[in-house]
Protein backbone atom coordinates (compact mmCIF):
# COMPACT_ATOMS: atom_id res chain seq x y z
CA MET A 1 24.58 1.24 -39.71
CA GLU A 2 27.86 -0.67 -39.87
CA ALA A 3 29.44 1.81 -37.44
CA LEU A 4 26.58 1.33 -35.00
CA ALA A 5 26.91 -2.44 -35.28
CA ASP A 6 30.65 -2.29 -34.54
CA PRO A 7 31.40 -3.51 -30.97
CA GLN A 8 34.08 -0.85 -30.51
CA THR A 9 31.59 1.88 -31.43
CA LEU A 10 28.98 0.48 -29.07
CA LEU A 11 31.58 0.26 -26.30
CA SER A 12 32.59 3.88 -26.89
CA ILE A 13 28.95 4.98 -26.79
CA LEU A 14 28.35 3.10 -23.54
CA ALA A 15 31.50 4.61 -22.02
CA ALA A 16 30.38 8.10 -23.04
CA VAL A 17 26.95 7.48 -21.54
CA ALA A 18 28.53 6.23 -18.30
CA ILE A 19 30.79 9.30 -18.08
CA PHE A 20 27.84 11.59 -18.76
CA ALA A 21 25.76 9.84 -16.08
CA THR A 22 28.62 10.18 -13.58
CA VAL A 23 28.96 13.91 -14.27
CA ILE A 24 25.21 14.41 -13.94
CA THR A 25 25.14 12.43 -10.68
CA LEU A 26 27.91 14.57 -9.19
CA ALA A 27 26.32 17.80 -10.41
CA MET A 28 22.75 17.00 -9.31
CA PRO A 29 23.21 18.20 -5.68
CA LEU A 30 24.57 21.51 -6.98
CA LEU A 31 21.75 21.97 -9.50
CA ALA A 32 18.95 20.80 -7.21
CA LYS A 33 16.27 23.44 -6.76
CA ASP A 34 14.02 24.06 -3.81
CA GLU A 35 10.83 22.06 -4.32
CA LEU A 36 8.97 23.63 -1.43
CA GLY A 37 7.58 26.52 -3.48
CA SER A 38 6.22 24.32 -6.25
CA ARG A 39 4.77 21.85 -3.76
CA MET A 40 3.05 24.61 -1.82
CA LYS A 41 1.61 25.91 -5.09
CA SER A 42 0.18 22.46 -5.85
CA VAL A 43 -1.19 22.33 -2.30
CA ALA A 44 -2.94 25.65 -2.86
CA ILE A 45 -4.50 24.25 -6.03
CA GLU A 46 -5.64 21.16 -4.13
CA ARG A 47 -7.11 23.35 -1.39
CA ASP A 48 -9.12 25.26 -4.00
CA LYS A 49 -10.37 21.96 -5.40
CA ILE A 50 -11.51 20.82 -1.96
CA ARG A 51 -13.29 24.13 -1.42
CA ALA A 52 -15.00 23.94 -4.82
CA ARG A 53 -16.00 20.31 -4.29
CA GLU A 54 -17.52 21.00 -0.91
CA ARG A 55 -19.37 24.04 -2.22
CA ALA A 56 -20.76 21.99 -5.11
CA ARG A 57 -21.86 19.26 -2.70
CA LEU A 58 -23.62 21.76 -0.46
CA ALA A 59 -25.32 23.36 -3.44
CA GLU A 60 -26.50 19.97 -4.65
CA GLU A 61 -27.89 19.10 -1.21
CA GLN A 62 -29.86 22.34 -1.20
CA GLY A 63 -31.38 21.59 -4.60
CA ARG A 64 -29.09 23.73 -6.72
CA LYS A 65 -26.71 22.42 -9.33
CA GLY A 66 -23.08 23.39 -9.13
CA SER A 67 -21.86 25.39 -12.08
CA LEU A 68 -18.62 23.64 -12.89
CA ARG A 69 -17.10 24.81 -16.13
CA GLN A 70 -15.76 22.18 -18.49
CA LYS A 71 -12.20 22.74 -19.62
CA ASP A 72 -10.27 21.36 -22.56
CA GLU A 73 -7.76 18.89 -21.19
CA GLY A 74 -5.72 18.49 -24.38
CA PHE A 75 -4.70 15.63 -26.62
CA VAL A 76 -3.61 13.20 -23.88
CA GLN A 77 -6.81 13.62 -21.87
CA GLY A 78 -8.93 13.24 -25.02
CA LEU A 79 -7.11 10.07 -26.01
CA VAL A 80 -7.55 8.54 -22.57
CA GLU A 81 -11.25 9.39 -22.51
CA LYS A 82 -11.81 8.19 -26.06
CA PHE A 83 -10.40 4.70 -25.49
CA ASN A 84 -11.63 4.53 -21.87
CA LEU A 85 -8.16 3.68 -20.58
CA LYS A 86 -9.07 4.45 -16.96
CA ALA A 87 -11.50 1.54 -16.85
CA ALA A 88 -9.10 -0.79 -18.69
CA LEU A 89 -5.75 -0.04 -17.07
CA ALA A 90 -6.43 1.83 -13.82
CA ASP A 91 -7.96 0.75 -10.54
CA GLU A 92 -8.15 2.11 -7.02
CA ASN A 93 -4.55 1.12 -6.27
CA THR A 94 -3.35 3.05 -9.32
CA PHE A 95 -4.95 6.28 -8.12
CA LEU A 96 -3.67 5.63 -4.60
CA ASP A 97 -0.09 5.08 -5.81
CA LEU A 98 -0.17 8.29 -7.86
CA THR A 99 -1.49 10.18 -4.84
CA ARG A 100 1.22 8.76 -2.59
CA ALA A 101 3.82 9.75 -5.20
CA GLY A 102 2.55 13.34 -5.09
CA TYR A 103 0.67 13.30 -8.42
CA ARG A 104 -2.83 14.44 -7.49
CA GLN A 105 -4.00 16.42 -10.50
CA LYS A 106 -6.43 14.99 -13.02
CA SER A 107 -3.89 15.30 -15.82
CA HIS A 108 -1.39 13.09 -13.98
CA ILE A 109 -3.49 9.93 -14.30
CA SER A 110 -4.03 10.69 -17.98
CA ILE A 111 -0.29 11.13 -18.58
CA PHE A 112 0.43 7.92 -16.65
CA LEU A 113 -2.05 5.88 -18.72
CA PHE A 114 -0.86 7.50 -21.95
CA PHE A 115 2.76 6.47 -21.35
CA LYS A 116 1.61 3.04 -20.17
CA VAL A 117 0.08 2.54 -23.62
CA ILE A 118 2.57 4.35 -25.85
CA LEU A 119 5.87 3.18 -24.28
CA PRO A 120 5.40 -0.55 -25.15
CA VAL A 121 4.77 0.38 -28.79
CA ILE A 122 7.80 2.68 -28.98
CA MET A 123 10.15 0.25 -27.26
CA PHE A 124 8.86 -2.70 -29.32
CA ALA A 125 9.40 -0.76 -32.58
CA ALA A 126 12.87 0.40 -31.46
CA ALA A 127 13.85 -3.17 -30.53
CA LEU A 128 12.69 -4.51 -33.91
CA MET A 129 14.65 -1.80 -35.72
CA TYR A 130 17.78 -2.63 -33.74
CA PHE A 131 17.52 -6.42 -34.12
CA PHE A 132 16.62 -6.47 -37.82
CA ILE A 133 18.23 -3.31 -39.28
CA ILE A 134 20.95 -1.81 -37.12
CA SER A 135 22.58 -4.96 -35.74
CA PRO A 136 21.15 -8.10 -37.33
CA ALA A 137 22.43 -11.18 -35.50
CA ASP A 138 22.66 -14.82 -36.52
CA ARG A 139 19.44 -15.72 -34.75
CA LEU A 140 16.09 -16.92 -35.89
CA PRO A 141 13.67 -14.09 -36.71
CA MET A 142 11.25 -15.52 -34.17
CA MET A 143 13.85 -15.10 -31.42
CA ASN A 144 14.33 -11.44 -32.35
CA ILE A 145 10.57 -10.94 -32.25
CA LEU A 146 10.39 -12.60 -28.82
CA PHE A 147 13.16 -10.35 -27.51
CA ALA A 148 11.36 -7.31 -28.91
CA CYS A 149 8.12 -8.43 -27.23
CA ALA A 150 9.94 -8.77 -23.91
CA ILE A 151 11.33 -5.23 -24.29
CA GLY A 152 7.85 -3.95 -25.15
CA MET A 153 6.44 -5.66 -22.05
CA ALA A 154 9.12 -3.94 -19.97
CA GLY A 155 7.92 -0.63 -21.42
CA PHE A 156 4.41 -1.43 -20.20
CA TYR A 157 5.60 -1.87 -16.61
CA LEU A 158 8.12 1.01 -16.70
CA PRO A 159 5.64 3.79 -15.66
CA SER A 160 4.48 1.69 -12.70
CA VAL A 161 8.08 1.13 -11.62
CA ILE A 162 8.78 4.87 -11.82
CA VAL A 163 5.70 5.65 -9.74
CA LYS A 164 6.65 3.00 -7.14
CA ASN A 165 10.13 4.51 -6.92
CA ALA A 166 8.62 7.97 -6.39
CA VAL A 167 6.35 6.57 -3.67
CA SER A 168 9.32 4.97 -1.89
CA LYS A 169 11.37 8.19 -1.96
CA ARG A 170 8.43 10.23 -0.74
CA GLN A 171 7.66 7.81 2.09
CA MET A 172 11.31 7.78 3.11
CA SER A 173 11.35 11.57 3.29
CA ILE A 174 8.19 11.61 5.41
CA LYS A 175 9.43 8.80 7.66
CA ARG A 176 12.71 10.58 8.43
CA ALA A 177 11.04 13.89 9.28
CA TRP A 178 8.01 12.48 11.08
CA PRO A 179 9.51 12.29 14.64
CA ASP A 180 10.68 15.91 14.41
CA ALA A 181 7.26 16.95 13.12
CA LEU A 182 5.61 15.20 16.08
CA ASP A 183 7.89 17.04 18.51
CA LEU A 184 6.98 20.37 16.91
CA LEU A 185 3.29 19.43 16.94
CA LEU A 186 3.53 18.50 20.63
CA ILE A 187 5.13 21.86 21.45
CA CYS A 188 2.42 23.74 19.56
CA VAL A 189 -0.41 21.77 21.18
CA GLU A 190 1.00 22.20 24.69
CA SER A 191 1.37 25.95 24.09
CA GLY A 192 -2.41 26.20 23.60
CA MET A 193 -2.69 26.28 19.80
CA SER A 194 -5.48 24.45 18.02
CA LEU A 195 -4.76 21.36 15.96
CA GLU A 196 -5.26 23.18 12.63
CA ALA A 197 -2.97 26.04 13.65
CA SER A 198 -0.41 23.57 15.00
CA MET A 199 -0.33 21.57 11.76
CA LYS A 200 -0.04 24.75 9.72
CA LYS A 201 2.88 25.95 11.85
CA VAL A 202 4.61 22.56 11.71
CA ALA A 203 4.19 22.46 7.91
CA VAL A 204 6.02 25.79 7.63
CA GLU A 205 8.83 24.73 9.95
CA ILE A 206 9.33 21.21 8.54
CA GLY A 207 9.22 22.33 4.89
CA LEU A 208 12.99 22.63 4.49
CA GLN A 209 13.59 19.14 5.88
CA SER A 210 10.75 17.36 4.07
CA PRO A 211 8.66 19.22 1.47
CA ALA A 212 6.50 16.10 1.07
CA LEU A 213 5.50 16.10 4.74
CA ALA A 214 4.85 19.84 4.65
CA GLU A 215 2.56 19.30 1.68
CA GLU A 216 0.61 16.52 3.42
CA LEU A 217 0.16 18.53 6.62
CA THR A 218 -1.05 21.55 4.66
CA LEU A 219 -3.58 19.41 2.80
CA THR A 220 -4.76 17.95 6.10
CA THR A 221 -5.22 21.47 7.47
CA ALA A 222 -7.34 22.37 4.44
CA GLU A 223 -9.43 19.22 4.80
CA LEU A 224 -9.99 19.87 8.50
CA SER A 225 -11.42 23.25 7.53
CA TYR A 226 -13.68 22.13 4.68
CA LEU A 227 -14.70 18.51 5.19
CA GLN A 228 -17.80 17.64 7.18
CA GLU A 229 -16.08 15.07 9.41
CA ARG A 230 -12.66 15.72 10.89
CA ARG A 231 -12.18 11.97 11.13
CA GLN A 232 -12.13 11.78 7.32
CA ALA A 233 -9.32 14.33 7.15
CA HIS A 234 -7.15 12.27 9.52
CA GLU A 235 -7.90 9.06 7.64
CA ASN A 236 -7.00 10.74 4.35
CA LEU A 237 -3.62 11.72 5.79
CA ALA A 238 -2.88 8.12 6.72
CA LYS A 239 -4.08 6.89 3.34
CA ARG A 240 -2.01 9.41 1.35
CA THR A 241 1.22 8.57 3.18
CA GLY A 242 0.78 4.81 3.62
CA LEU A 243 2.99 4.72 6.73
CA ASP A 244 2.20 2.89 9.97
CA GLN A 245 3.66 5.70 12.10
CA VAL A 246 1.34 8.25 10.53
CA LYS A 247 -1.63 5.91 10.86
CA ALA A 248 -0.97 5.47 14.58
CA VAL A 249 -0.88 9.23 15.11
CA THR A 250 -4.08 9.78 13.12
CA MET A 251 -5.84 7.12 15.20
CA ALA A 252 -4.66 8.89 18.37
CA LEU A 253 -6.00 12.19 17.03
CA ILE A 254 -9.36 10.62 16.20
CA GLN A 255 -9.66 9.03 19.65
CA ALA A 256 -8.63 12.27 21.37
CA GLU A 257 -11.32 14.22 19.53
CA ARG A 258 -13.98 11.56 20.13
CA TYR A 259 -13.39 10.79 23.81
CA GLY A 260 -11.70 14.00 24.95
CA THR A 261 -8.47 12.32 26.04
CA PRO A 262 -5.30 14.43 26.44
CA LEU A 263 -3.62 14.79 23.08
CA SER A 264 -0.20 15.84 24.40
CA THR A 265 0.35 12.56 26.27
CA ALA A 266 -0.40 10.47 23.19
CA LEU A 267 1.79 12.66 20.97
CA ARG A 268 4.71 12.43 23.41
CA ALA A 269 4.53 8.62 23.50
CA LEU A 270 4.14 8.33 19.73
CA SER A 271 7.02 10.73 19.12
CA GLN A 272 9.37 8.67 21.29
CA GLU A 273 8.18 5.49 19.59
CA SER A 274 8.85 6.98 16.14
CA ARG A 275 12.36 7.98 17.19
CA ASP A 276 13.04 4.49 18.54
CA MET A 277 11.81 2.96 15.27
CA ARG A 278 14.03 5.29 13.25
CA MET A 279 17.05 4.40 15.37
CA ALA A 280 16.27 0.68 15.10
CA GLU A 281 16.03 0.95 11.34
CA ALA A 282 19.38 2.76 11.20
CA GLU A 283 21.00 0.06 13.35
CA LYS A 284 19.50 -2.62 11.13
CA LYS A 285 21.01 -1.01 8.04
CA ALA A 286 24.38 -0.65 9.78
CA ALA A 287 24.31 -4.33 10.80
CA GLY A 288 23.58 -5.41 7.22
CA LEU A 289 26.42 -3.35 5.75
CA PRO A 290 29.35 -5.83 6.20
CA PRO A 291 27.75 -8.63 4.13
CA LYS A 292 26.92 -6.15 1.38
CA LEU A 293 30.53 -4.91 1.27
CA THR A 294 31.98 -8.42 0.89
CA VAL A 295 31.51 -8.73 -2.88
CA PRO A 296 32.73 -5.18 -3.73
CA MET A 297 35.82 -5.70 -1.57
CA ILE A 298 36.63 -9.01 -3.29
CA ILE A 299 36.12 -7.57 -6.78
CA PHE A 300 37.63 -4.08 -6.42
CA PHE A 301 39.83 -3.84 -3.32
CA LEU A 302 41.63 -7.18 -3.08
CA PRO A 303 43.08 -7.18 -6.66
CA VAL A 304 44.49 -3.69 -6.11
CA LEU A 305 45.88 -4.71 -2.72
CA PHE A 306 47.55 -7.80 -4.19
CA ALA A 307 48.98 -5.71 -7.02
CA VAL A 308 50.46 -3.22 -4.55
CA ILE A 309 51.93 -5.95 -2.33
CA ILE A 310 53.11 -8.46 -4.93
CA GLY A 311 53.89 -5.98 -7.72
CA PRO A 312 57.34 -4.81 -6.51
CA ALA A 313 58.47 -8.37 -5.79
CA ALA A 314 57.32 -9.50 -9.24
CA ILE A 315 59.23 -6.63 -10.85
CA GLN A 316 62.43 -7.50 -8.98
CA ILE A 317 62.14 -11.18 -9.88
CA SER A 318 61.55 -10.38 -13.56
CA ALA A 319 64.53 -7.99 -13.55
CA GLN A 320 66.86 -10.76 -12.35
């Protein structure tokens, strides 16, 4: 306990953690695996769910009950159901965020709610142990308890932050590959392929660039095959991605199917617009780079530059 409370020991531990994080960051691109296979497997599972749901709905409309077999979901699912955590901690936005992050299975919402409940307790207990046992400080006990409560509250919001980060990364991947996907879709449509076949072909071709977009297009193809209204499949694509570019294309697809307007003309205009938006966003980031580099240059570059320039003169003066 005394060794852990020693500032030198804590500094050494933090330095080791920083070195380990640096090594992991440099090695991550080399160890990264292809996610396309696993994502396509999850898409196949989702397609089977859509098929089973539509079959059960049709059976119910015809007066027959669907024979859906109940499965044991495990400890986490049982705990969530027992305390009714979905009604207490989850709403429509929670399910939508998990879907946009790529977590569509029933177990994902249970795991999310489980960690949302258990992490505050674990982090609060760990903070109390650190403040009162490992490194007791000359503070009032109430202050230590308040700090531990703040850490526990951070644990409550940590799963939501992780999901938001996953949503942002997924949307960025889709946004970067969307103009190329539209160009491929335009080529397929102009060659005479149907919309379902075009989306399926584009999902295969775009999979290496953006597995997330390939997954969404494959799900849309499945929904176009099984849902009653094709409009619902297009709206689900826009809802799952949460991007304005995708929403504009889905609206064009809906209008083309409703009024019989040429789809290739709308896709060509939307593809060019998406490319212009991507270029404008890149120029915006490039324009905002100099102000962001000001502080790092002052802190890291200028002291080294002054040391290189003034160092030899200072050495000569001290030698005299």
